[in-house]
Amino acid sequence: MRVLDTDCLVLGAGLAGAAYAYHMGKQGYGVTLLSADTPKNSANSNWAQGGVIYHDKDDLDRLRQDINDASSGTSNPQAVEGLVQHGAPALKSLLLDELKVEFDREESTGDLKYTREGGHSEARIIFSKDTTGKCILDGVHKAIDWLDSVTRIENSVAIDLLTLSHSSTSYHDRYSPPTVFGAYVLDTETREVYAVRAKKTILATGGLGQLYNHTTNQRGIYGHGAAMAYRVGARMMDMEYIQFHPTAFCKKGAPTFLLTEALRGEG
């Protein structure tokens, strides 16, 4: 079996995986970015429409309250606090200052335009027309193109994770703490299965919407990453939250497609 070695193996080239690959690649780590198709065809991120939260410091309490209200108090407090405290600075640093993503701006002043989406008590969403996800994802992938440290592999899917307990050639490694060191990968064109060994493996494979009759997830989003994680003992929770934006346009005989959350926010 063919074996590739890398510092970081990233499974999935949507916004989560691509942003991680860019962050690590900038620091000089060798990154292998794997995707089942081209990101423009397969990533849910590319089809996201509405926008992203970008707030001023003055409304942190209201933002925190809105998030908790929208989840009926079930959100992970650490995750909420991370978004509230670090979301805006991270967005400004990466998307505005570094990648210069072209969010919509007021013609008269050049200031960012804001809209309000469902679950928000005020307008704190910035956007790029009705193709915000595509605009952001294109910006991140263009930045990755400049990094020699990031290797893209397309038309390939991970089929199982490599672990010390199941995949090591050393018998005694099964007594070590649960450790992932890469993945088995299927080349969907040649049908070859090969191994990628990595010091760090990132699962950014999207959701599992296509398990259901009705979804706006892209084709191929069947929860492969969640299944691989479950098989190696990862803790799974909140799996009932399949998709945050449930509004779709439905026409008989045609695939459903997402309608922007801004429709509800704007009334």
C-alpha atoms as a PDB file:
ATOM      1  CA  MET A   1       0.000   0.000   0.000  1.00  0.00           C
ATOM      2  CA  ARG A   2       1.188   3.482  -0.872  1.00  0.00           C
ATOM      3  CA  VAL A   3       1.854   5.715   2.157  1.00  0.00           C
ATOM      4  CA  LEU A   4       2.074   9.511   2.276  1.00  0.00           C
ATOM      5  CA  ASP A   5       3.429  11.474   5.238  1.00  0.00           C
ATOM      6  CA  THR A   6       2.395  14.966   6.321  1.00  0.00           C
ATOM      7  CA  ASP A   7       2.339  17.171   9.407  1.00  0.00           C
ATOM      8  CA  CYS A   8      -1.403  17.927   9.215  1.00  0.00           C
ATOM      9  CA  LEU A   9      -4.045  15.946   7.359  1.00  0.00           C
ATOM     10  CA  VAL A  10      -7.245  17.957   6.851  1.00  0.00           C
ATOM     11  CA  LEU A  11     -10.287  15.965   5.742  1.00  0.00           C
ATOM     12  CA  GLY A  12     -12.630  18.407   4.017  1.00  0.00           C
ATOM     13  CA  ALA A  13     -11.880  21.605   2.086  1.00  0.00           C
ATOM     14  CA  GLY A  14     -14.892  23.728   3.059  1.00  0.00           C
ATOM     15  CA  LEU A  15     -14.373  26.841   5.143  1.00  0.00           C
ATOM     16  CA  ALA A  16     -13.458  25.035   8.393  1.00  0.00           C
ATOM     17  CA  GLY A  17     -10.885  22.757   6.757  1.00  0.00           C
ATOM     18  CA  ALA A  18      -9.512  25.390   4.389  1.00  0.00           C
ATOM     19  CA  ALA A  19      -9.105  27.993   7.151  1.00  0.00           C
ATOM     20  CA  TYR A  20      -7.227  25.491   9.311  1.00  0.00           C
ATOM     21  CA  ALA A  21      -5.007  24.484   6.365  1.00  0.00           C
ATOM     22  CA  TYR A  22      -4.215  28.128   5.671  1.00  0.00           C
ATOM     23  CA  HIS A  23      -3.456  28.863   9.330  1.00  0.00           C
ATOM     24  CA  MET A  24      -1.056  25.921   9.686  1.00  0.00           C
ATOM     25  CA  GLY A  25       0.462  26.347   6.228  1.00  0.00           C
ATOM     26  CA  LYS A  26       1.369  29.964   7.025  1.00  0.00           C
ATOM     27  CA  GLN A  27       3.382  28.694   9.988  1.00  0.00           C
ATOM     28  CA  GLY A  28       5.379  26.389   7.725  1.00  0.00           C
ATOM     29  CA  TYR A  29       3.765  23.068   8.596  1.00  0.00           C
ATOM     30  CA  GLY A  30       3.234  20.581   5.811  1.00  0.00           C
ATOM     31  CA  VAL A  31      -0.524  20.303   5.211  1.00  0.00           C
ATOM     32  CA  THR A  32      -2.434  17.816   3.064  1.00  0.00           C
ATOM     33  CA  LEU A  33      -5.921  19.154   2.254  1.00  0.00           C
ATOM     34  CA  LEU A  34      -8.251  16.368   1.115  1.00  0.00           C
ATOM     35  CA  SER A  35     -11.600  16.799  -0.651  1.00  0.00           C
ATOM     36  CA  ALA A  36     -14.021  14.380  -2.301  1.00  0.00           C
ATOM     37  CA  ASP A  37     -14.570  16.796  -5.189  1.00  0.00           C
ATOM     38  CA  THR A  38     -13.576  20.350  -5.946  1.00  0.00           C
ATOM     39  CA  PRO A  39     -14.695  22.561  -3.035  1.00  0.00           C
ATOM     40  CA  LYS A  40     -16.871  24.612  -5.398  1.00  0.00           C
ATOM     41  CA  ASN A  41     -18.923  21.520  -6.166  1.00  0.00           C
ATOM     42  CA  SER A  42     -19.073  19.719  -2.850  1.00  0.00           C
ATOM     43  CA  ALA A  43     -18.608  22.127   0.078  1.00  0.00           C
ATOM     44  CA  ASN A  44     -21.705  23.374   1.892  1.00  0.00           C
ATOM     45  CA  SER A  45     -19.697  26.518   2.684  1.00  0.00           C
ATOM     46  CA  ASN A  46     -19.731  27.486  -0.992  1.00  0.00           C
ATOM     47  CA  TRP A  47     -23.540  27.690  -0.976  1.00  0.00           C
ATOM     48  CA  ALA A  48     -24.054  29.615   2.270  1.00  0.00           C
ATOM     49  CA  GLN A  49     -25.987  32.772   1.523  1.00  0.00           C
ATOM     50  CA  GLY A  50     -26.871  35.071   4.408  1.00  0.00           C
ATOM     51  CA  GLY A  51     -23.813  36.341   6.283  1.00  0.00           C
ATOM     52  CA  VAL A  52     -21.691  36.170   9.428  1.00  0.00           C
ATOM     53  CA  ILE A  53     -21.793  37.852  12.845  1.00  0.00           C
ATOM     54  CA  TYR A  54     -19.549  40.890  13.175  1.00  0.00           C
ATOM     55  CA  HIS A  55     -20.355  42.886  16.282  1.00  0.00           C
ATOM     56  CA  ASP A  56     -19.056  45.815  18.302  1.00  0.00           C
ATOM     57  CA  LYS A  57     -17.824  45.332  21.844  1.00  0.00           C
ATOM     58  CA  ASP A  58     -20.851  47.196  23.217  1.00  0.00           C
ATOM     59  CA  ASP A  59     -23.351  44.439  22.396  1.00  0.00           C
ATOM     60  CA  LEU A  60     -21.547  41.375  23.753  1.00  0.00           C
ATOM     61  CA  ASP A  61     -24.148  40.753  26.449  1.00  0.00           C
ATOM     62  CA  ARG A  62     -27.002  40.975  23.949  1.00  0.00           C
ATOM     63  CA  LEU A  63     -25.194  38.663  21.523  1.00  0.00           C
ATOM     64  CA  ARG A  64     -24.557  36.137  24.287  1.00  0.00           C
ATOM     65  CA  GLN A  65     -28.207  36.295  25.299  1.00  0.00           C
ATOM     66  CA  ASP A  66     -29.429  35.915  21.700  1.00  0.00           C
ATOM     67  CA  ILE A  67     -27.333  32.791  21.183  1.00  0.00           C
ATOM     68  CA  ASN A  68     -28.537  31.220  24.414  1.00  0.00           C
ATOM     69  CA  ASP A  69     -32.156  32.135  23.678  1.00  0.00           C
ATOM     70  CA  ALA A  70     -31.973  30.685  20.170  1.00  0.00           C
ATOM     71  CA  SER A  71     -30.714  27.380  21.570  1.00  0.00           C
ATOM     72  CA  SER A  72     -33.200  27.361  24.486  1.00  0.00           C
ATOM     73  CA  GLY A  73     -30.193  27.336  26.799  1.00  0.00           C
ATOM     74  CA  THR A  74     -28.647  24.152  25.375  1.00  0.00           C
ATOM     75  CA  SER A  75     -25.511  25.696  23.808  1.00  0.00           C
ATOM     76  CA  ASN A  76     -22.071  24.793  25.140  1.00  0.00           C
ATOM     77  CA  PRO A  77     -21.165  27.787  27.369  1.00  0.00           C
ATOM     78  CA  GLN A  78     -17.484  27.601  26.390  1.00  0.00           C
ATOM     79  CA  ALA A  79     -18.353  27.631  22.691  1.00  0.00           C
ATOM     80  CA  VAL A  80     -20.716  30.571  23.163  1.00  0.00           C
ATOM     81  CA  GLU A  81     -18.099  32.528  25.075  1.00  0.00           C
ATOM     82  CA  GLY A  82     -15.476  31.727  22.440  1.00  0.00           C
ATOM     83  CA  LEU A  83     -17.703  33.079  19.681  1.00  0.00           C
ATOM     84  CA  VAL A  84     -18.709  36.160  21.655  1.00  0.00           C
ATOM     85  CA  GLN A  85     -15.178  37.089  22.739  1.00  0.00           C
ATOM     86  CA  HIS A  86     -13.073  35.986  19.778  1.00  0.00           C
ATOM     87  CA  GLY A  87     -15.392  35.813  16.773  1.00  0.00           C
ATOM     88  CA  ALA A  88     -15.223  39.461  15.691  1.00  0.00           C
ATOM     89  CA  PRO A  89     -11.436  39.879  16.194  1.00  0.00           C
ATOM     90  CA  ALA A  90     -10.786  36.661  14.244  1.00  0.00           C
ATOM     91  CA  LEU A  91     -13.086  37.764  11.424  1.00  0.00           C
ATOM     92  CA  LYS A  92     -11.453  41.187  11.240  1.00  0.00           C
ATOM     93  CA  SER A  93      -7.934  39.771  11.287  1.00  0.00           C
ATOM     94  CA  LEU A  94      -8.429  37.055   8.660  1.00  0.00           C
ATOM     95  CA  LEU A  95     -11.299  38.074   6.398  1.00  0.00           C
ATOM     96  CA  LEU A  96     -11.183  41.885   6.480  1.00  0.00           C
ATOM     97  CA  ASP A  97      -7.541  42.838   7.070  1.00  0.00           C
ATOM     98  CA  GLU A  98      -5.669  39.895   5.570  1.00  0.00           C
ATOM     99  CA  LEU A  99      -7.822  38.376   2.822  1.00  0.00           C
ATOM    100  CA  LYS A 100      -9.757  41.559   1.967  1.00  0.00           C
ATOM    101  CA  VAL A 101     -13.044  39.685   1.483  1.00  0.00           C
ATOM    102  CA  GLU A 102     -15.447  42.001  -0.346  1.00  0.00           C
ATOM    103  CA  PHE A 103     -18.371  42.331   2.040  1.00  0.00           C
ATOM    104  CA  ASP A 104     -21.118  44.752   1.001  1.00  0.00           C
ATOM    105  CA  ARG A 105     -20.566  48.370   2.037  1.00  0.00           C
ATOM    106  CA  GLU A 106     -22.563  51.578   2.142  1.00  0.00           C
ATOM    107  CA  GLU A 107     -21.998  53.599  -1.017  1.00  0.00           C
ATOM    108  CA  SER A 108     -21.897  56.946   0.774  1.00  0.00           C
ATOM    109  CA  THR A 109     -19.486  56.080   3.602  1.00  0.00           C
ATOM    110  CA  GLY A 110     -17.769  52.826   2.662  1.00  0.00           C
ATOM    111  CA  ASP A 111     -18.821  51.339   6.010  1.00  0.00           C
ATOM    112  CA  LEU A 112     -19.875  47.710   6.200  1.00  0.00           C
ATOM    113  CA  LYS A 113     -23.553  47.024   5.609  1.00  0.00           C
ATOM    114  CA  TYR A 114     -25.386  45.148   8.341  1.00  0.00           C
ATOM    115  CA  THR A 115     -28.542  43.068   8.238  1.00  0.00           C
ATOM    116  CA  ARG A 116     -30.503  41.144  10.853  1.00  0.00           C
ATOM    117  CA  GLU A 117     -31.137  37.412  10.690  1.00  0.00           C
ATOM    118  CA  GLY A 118     -33.485  35.116  12.589  1.00  0.00           C
ATOM    119  CA  GLY A 119     -32.609  34.751  16.272  1.00  0.00           C
ATOM    120  CA  HIS A 120     -30.822  38.111  16.444  1.00  0.00           C
ATOM    121  CA  SER A 121     -32.258  41.080  18.311  1.00  0.00           C
ATOM    122  CA  GLU A 122     -30.315  43.599  16.222  1.00  0.00           C
ATOM    123  CA  ALA A 123     -28.551  43.977  12.879  1.00  0.00           C
ATOM    124  CA  ARG A 124     -25.071  42.487  13.356  1.00  0.00           C
ATOM    125  CA  ILE A 125     -24.679  40.357  10.205  1.00  0.00           C
ATOM    126  CA  ILE A 126     -22.277  41.352   7.417  1.00  0.00           C
ATOM    127  CA  PHE A 127     -22.658  39.763   4.002  1.00  0.00           C
ATOM    128  CA  SER A 128     -21.539  39.695   0.393  1.00  0.00           C
ATOM    129  CA  LYS A 129     -24.598  39.976  -1.851  1.00  0.00           C
ATOM    130  CA  ASP A 130     -26.398  36.645  -1.488  1.00  0.00           C
ATOM    131  CA  THR A 131     -23.246  34.566  -1.950  1.00  0.00           C
ATOM    132  CA  THR A 132     -21.380  35.173   1.297  1.00  0.00           C
ATOM    133  CA  GLY A 133     -20.113  31.603   1.652  1.00  0.00           C
ATOM    134  CA  LYS A 134     -18.680  31.534  -1.861  1.00  0.00           C
ATOM    135  CA  CYS A 135     -17.018  34.909  -1.382  1.00  0.00           C
ATOM    136  CA  ILE A 136     -15.311  33.827   1.841  1.00  0.00           C
ATOM    137  CA  LEU A 137     -14.349  30.357   0.615  1.00  0.00           C
ATOM    138  CA  ASP A 138     -12.870  31.748  -2.606  1.00  0.00           C
ATOM    139  CA  GLY A 139     -10.774  34.166  -0.563  1.00  0.00           C
ATOM    140  CA  VAL A 140      -9.367  31.450   1.683  1.00  0.00           C
ATOM    141  CA  HIS A 141      -8.601  29.096  -1.200  1.00  0.00           C
ATOM    142  CA  LYS A 142      -6.873  31.841  -3.193  1.00  0.00           C
ATOM    143  CA  ALA A 143      -4.661  32.478  -0.161  1.00  0.00           C
ATOM    144  CA  ILE A 144      -3.889  28.753   0.092  1.00  0.00           C
ATOM    145  CA  ASP A 145      -2.758  28.759  -3.553  1.00  0.00           C
ATOM    146  CA  TRP A 146       0.203  30.915  -2.527  1.00  0.00           C
ATOM    147  CA  LEU A 147       1.395  28.431   0.091  1.00  0.00           C
ATOM    148  CA  ASP A 148       3.864  25.775  -1.055  1.00  0.00           C
ATOM    149  CA  SER A 149       3.372  24.056   2.296  1.00  0.00           C
ATOM    150  CA  VAL A 150      -0.231  23.054   1.478  1.00  0.00           C
ATOM    151  CA  THR A 151      -0.857  20.131  -0.881  1.00  0.00           C
ATOM    152  CA  ARG A 152      -4.371  19.678  -2.269  1.00  0.00           C
ATOM    153  CA  ILE A 153      -5.696  16.205  -3.067  1.00  0.00           C
ATOM    154  CA  GLU A 154      -9.089  16.213  -4.785  1.00  0.00           C
ATOM    155  CA  ASN A 155     -11.402  13.375  -5.833  1.00  0.00           C
ATOM    156  CA  SER A 156     -10.352  11.431  -2.754  1.00  0.00           C
ATOM    157  CA  VAL A 157     -12.297  10.478   0.368  1.00  0.00           C
ATOM    158  CA  ALA A 158     -11.158   9.250   3.758  1.00  0.00           C
ATOM    159  CA  ILE A 159     -12.723   5.876   4.532  1.00  0.00           C
ATOM    160  CA  ASP A 160     -11.309   5.187   7.989  1.00  0.00           C
ATOM    161  CA  LEU A 161      -9.006   6.718  10.555  1.00  0.00           C
ATOM    162  CA  LEU A 162      -5.631   5.224  11.421  1.00  0.00           C
ATOM    163  CA  THR A 163      -5.243   4.601  15.147  1.00  0.00           C
ATOM    164  CA  LEU A 164      -2.507   3.135  17.307  1.00  0.00           C
ATOM    165  CA  SER A 165      -4.916   0.562  18.722  1.00  0.00           C
ATOM    166  CA  HIS A 166      -6.154  -0.713  15.337  1.00  0.00           C
ATOM    167  CA  SER A 167      -3.562   0.178  12.716  1.00  0.00           C
ATOM    168  CA  SER A 168      -0.122   0.140  14.314  1.00  0.00           C
ATOM    169  CA  THR A 169       2.381  -2.604  13.443  1.00  0.00           C
ATOM    170  CA  SER A 170       3.483  -2.568  17.089  1.00  0.00           C
ATOM    171  CA  TYR A 171       1.377  -4.894  19.263  1.00  0.00           C
ATOM    172  CA  HIS A 172       1.949  -2.846  22.399  1.00  0.00           C
ATOM    173  CA  ASP A 173       0.558   0.366  20.900  1.00  0.00           C
ATOM    174  CA  ARG A 174      -2.933  -0.897  21.647  1.00  0.00           C
ATOM    175  CA  TYR A 175      -2.276  -0.109  25.301  1.00  0.00           C
ATOM    176  CA  SER A 176      -1.548   3.554  24.518  1.00  0.00           C
ATOM    177  CA  PRO A 177      -4.193   6.295  24.896  1.00  0.00           C
ATOM    178  CA  PRO A 178      -6.560   6.507  21.898  1.00  0.00           C
ATOM    179  CA  THR A 179      -4.529   8.236  19.199  1.00  0.00           C
ATOM    180  CA  VAL A 180      -5.290   9.015  15.545  1.00  0.00           C
ATOM    181  CA  PHE A 181      -2.315   9.315  13.192  1.00  0.00           C
ATOM    182  CA  GLY A 182      -3.917   9.724   9.779  1.00  0.00           C
ATOM    183  CA  ALA A 183      -6.441   7.996   7.559  1.00  0.00           C
ATOM    184  CA  TYR A 184      -7.023   5.437   4.856  1.00  0.00           C
ATOM    185  CA  VAL A 185      -7.995   7.279   1.687  1.00  0.00           C
ATOM    186  CA  LEU A 186      -9.824   6.135  -1.451  1.00  0.00           C
ATOM    187  CA  ASP A 187      -8.957   7.725  -4.795  1.00  0.00           C
ATOM    188  CA  THR A 188     -12.403   7.832  -6.402  1.00  0.00           C
ATOM    189  CA  GLU A 189     -10.975   7.933  -9.939  1.00  0.00           C
ATOM    190  CA  THR A 190      -8.417   5.105  -9.785  1.00  0.00           C
ATOM    191  CA  ARG A 191     -10.137   3.193  -6.914  1.00  0.00           C
ATOM    192  CA  GLU A 192      -6.767   2.935  -5.158  1.00  0.00           C
ATOM    193  CA  VAL A 193      -6.756   2.854  -1.351  1.00  0.00           C
ATOM    194  CA  TYR A 194      -3.689   4.399   0.264  1.00  0.00           C
ATOM    195  CA  ALA A 195      -2.657   5.657   3.694  1.00  0.00           C
ATOM    196  CA  VAL A 196      -1.825   9.194   4.807  1.00  0.00           C
ATOM    197  CA  ARG A 197       0.127   9.340   8.054  1.00  0.00           C
ATOM    198  CA  ALA A 198      -0.098  12.624   9.960  1.00  0.00           C
ATOM    199  CA  LYS A 199       0.963  14.148  13.246  1.00  0.00           C
ATOM    200  CA  LYS A 200      -2.454  15.819  13.454  1.00  0.00           C
ATOM    201  CA  THR A 201      -5.700  14.818  11.720  1.00  0.00           C
ATOM    202  CA  ILE A 202      -8.557  17.303  11.356  1.00  0.00           C
ATOM    203  CA  LEU A 203     -12.110  16.187  10.598  1.00  0.00           C
ATOM    204  CA  ALA A 204     -13.903  18.945   8.675  1.00  0.00           C
ATOM    205  CA  THR A 205     -16.186  16.749   6.589  1.00  0.00           C
ATOM    206  CA  GLY A 206     -19.467  18.645   6.912  1.00  0.00           C
ATOM    207  CA  GLY A 207     -22.779  17.329   8.158  1.00  0.00           C
ATOM    208  CA  LEU A 208     -25.001  14.361   7.353  1.00  0.00           C
ATOM    209  CA  GLY A 209     -28.033  15.976   5.752  1.00  0.00           C
ATOM    210  CA  GLN A 210     -28.281  13.599   2.801  1.00  0.00           C
ATOM    211  CA  LEU A 211     -29.302  10.796   5.162  1.00  0.00           C
ATOM    212  CA  TYR A 212     -32.713  12.498   5.166  1.00  0.00           C
ATOM    213  CA  ASN A 213     -35.359  12.879   2.469  1.00  0.00           C
ATOM    214  CA  HIS A 214     -35.223  16.666   2.583  1.00  0.00           C
ATOM    215  CA  THR A 215     -32.046  18.700   2.990  1.00  0.00           C
ATOM    216  CA  THR A 216     -30.163  21.585   1.435  1.00  0.00           C
ATOM    217  CA  ASN A 217     -26.813  19.911   2.146  1.00  0.00           C
ATOM    218  CA  GLN A 218     -24.789  19.221  -0.964  1.00  0.00           C
ATOM    219  CA  ARG A 219     -24.724  15.789  -2.570  1.00  0.00           C
ATOM    220  CA  GLY A 220     -22.251  13.499  -0.851  1.00  0.00           C
ATOM    221  CA  ILE A 221     -22.839  14.933   2.639  1.00  0.00           C
ATOM    222  CA  TYR A 222     -23.703  11.658   4.378  1.00  0.00           C
ATOM    223  CA  GLY A 223     -21.854  11.968   7.672  1.00  0.00           C
ATOM    224  CA  HIS A 224     -18.714  10.045   6.731  1.00  0.00           C
ATOM    225  CA  GLY A 225     -16.611  12.038   9.171  1.00  0.00           C
ATOM    226  CA  ALA A 226     -19.006  11.485  12.054  1.00  0.00           C
ATOM    227  CA  ALA A 227     -19.058   7.745  11.322  1.00  0.00           C
ATOM    228  CA  MET A 228     -15.258   7.535  11.270  1.00  0.00           C
ATOM    229  CA  ALA A 229     -15.022   9.449  14.527  1.00  0.00           C
ATOM    230  CA  TYR A 230     -17.624   7.216  16.179  1.00  0.00           C
ATOM    231  CA  ARG A 231     -15.771   4.062  15.132  1.00  0.00           C
ATOM    232  CA  VAL A 232     -12.614   5.165  16.927  1.00  0.00           C
ATOM    233  CA  GLY A 233     -14.456   6.126  20.110  1.00  0.00           C
ATOM    234  CA  ALA A 234     -15.091   9.860  19.763  1.00  0.00           C
ATOM    235  CA  ARG A 235     -17.823  11.279  21.969  1.00  0.00           C
ATOM    236  CA  MET A 236     -20.839  12.220  19.864  1.00  0.00           C
ATOM    237  CA  MET A 237     -23.437  14.762  20.970  1.00  0.00           C
ATOM    238  CA  ASP A 238     -26.091  17.109  19.576  1.00  0.00           C
ATOM    239  CA  MET A 239     -26.349  14.991  16.420  1.00  0.00           C
ATOM    240  CA  GLU A 240     -29.993  16.002  16.097  1.00  0.00           C
ATOM    241  CA  TYR A 241     -28.869  19.476  14.963  1.00  0.00           C
ATOM    242  CA  ILE A 242     -28.467  18.474  11.348  1.00  0.00           C
ATOM    243  CA  GLN A 243     -28.740  21.876   9.748  1.00  0.00           C
ATOM    244  CA  PHE A 244     -29.131  25.345  11.198  1.00  0.00           C
ATOM    245  CA  HIS A 245     -30.950  26.943   8.215  1.00  0.00           C
ATOM    246  CA  PRO A 246     -33.981  24.807   7.325  1.00  0.00           C
ATOM    247  CA  THR A 247     -35.718  27.018   4.750  1.00  0.00           C
ATOM    248  CA  ALA A 248     -35.694  25.611   1.226  1.00  0.00           C
ATOM    249  CA  PHE A 249     -37.410  26.304  -2.067  1.00  0.00           C
ATOM    250  CA  CYS A 250     -39.375  23.255  -3.148  1.00  0.00           C
ATOM    251  CA  LYS A 251     -40.502  22.473  -6.691  1.00  0.00           C
ATOM    252  CA  LYS A 252     -41.752  19.087  -7.807  1.00  0.00           C
ATOM    253  CA  GLY A 253     -39.142  17.203  -9.789  1.00  0.00           C
ATOM    254  CA  ALA A 254     -36.332  19.623  -8.931  1.00  0.00           C
ATOM    255  CA  PRO A 255     -33.707  19.578  -6.162  1.00  0.00           C
ATOM    256  CA  THR A 256     -34.422  21.798  -3.184  1.00  0.00           C
ATOM    257  CA  PHE A 257     -32.135  24.738  -2.610  1.00  0.00           C
ATOM    258  CA  LEU A 258     -31.450  26.992   0.335  1.00  0.00           C
ATOM    259  CA  LEU A 259     -33.303  30.251   0.892  1.00  0.00           C
ATOM    260  CA  THR A 260     -31.270  32.807   2.810  1.00  0.00           C
ATOM    261  CA  GLU A 261     -31.865  33.245   6.530  1.00  0.00           C
ATOM    262  CA  ALA A 262     -31.930  36.983   5.833  1.00  0.00           C
ATOM    263  CA  LEU A 263     -35.454  36.547   4.456  1.00  0.00           C
ATOM    264  CA  ARG A 264     -36.714  35.913   7.980  1.00  0.00           C
ATOM    265  CA  GLY A 265     -34.444  38.494   9.555  1.00  0.00           C
ATOM    266  CA  GLU A 266     -35.621  41.221   7.197  1.00  0.00           C
ATOM    267  CA  GLY A 267     -39.261  40.146   7.518  1.00  0.00           C
END
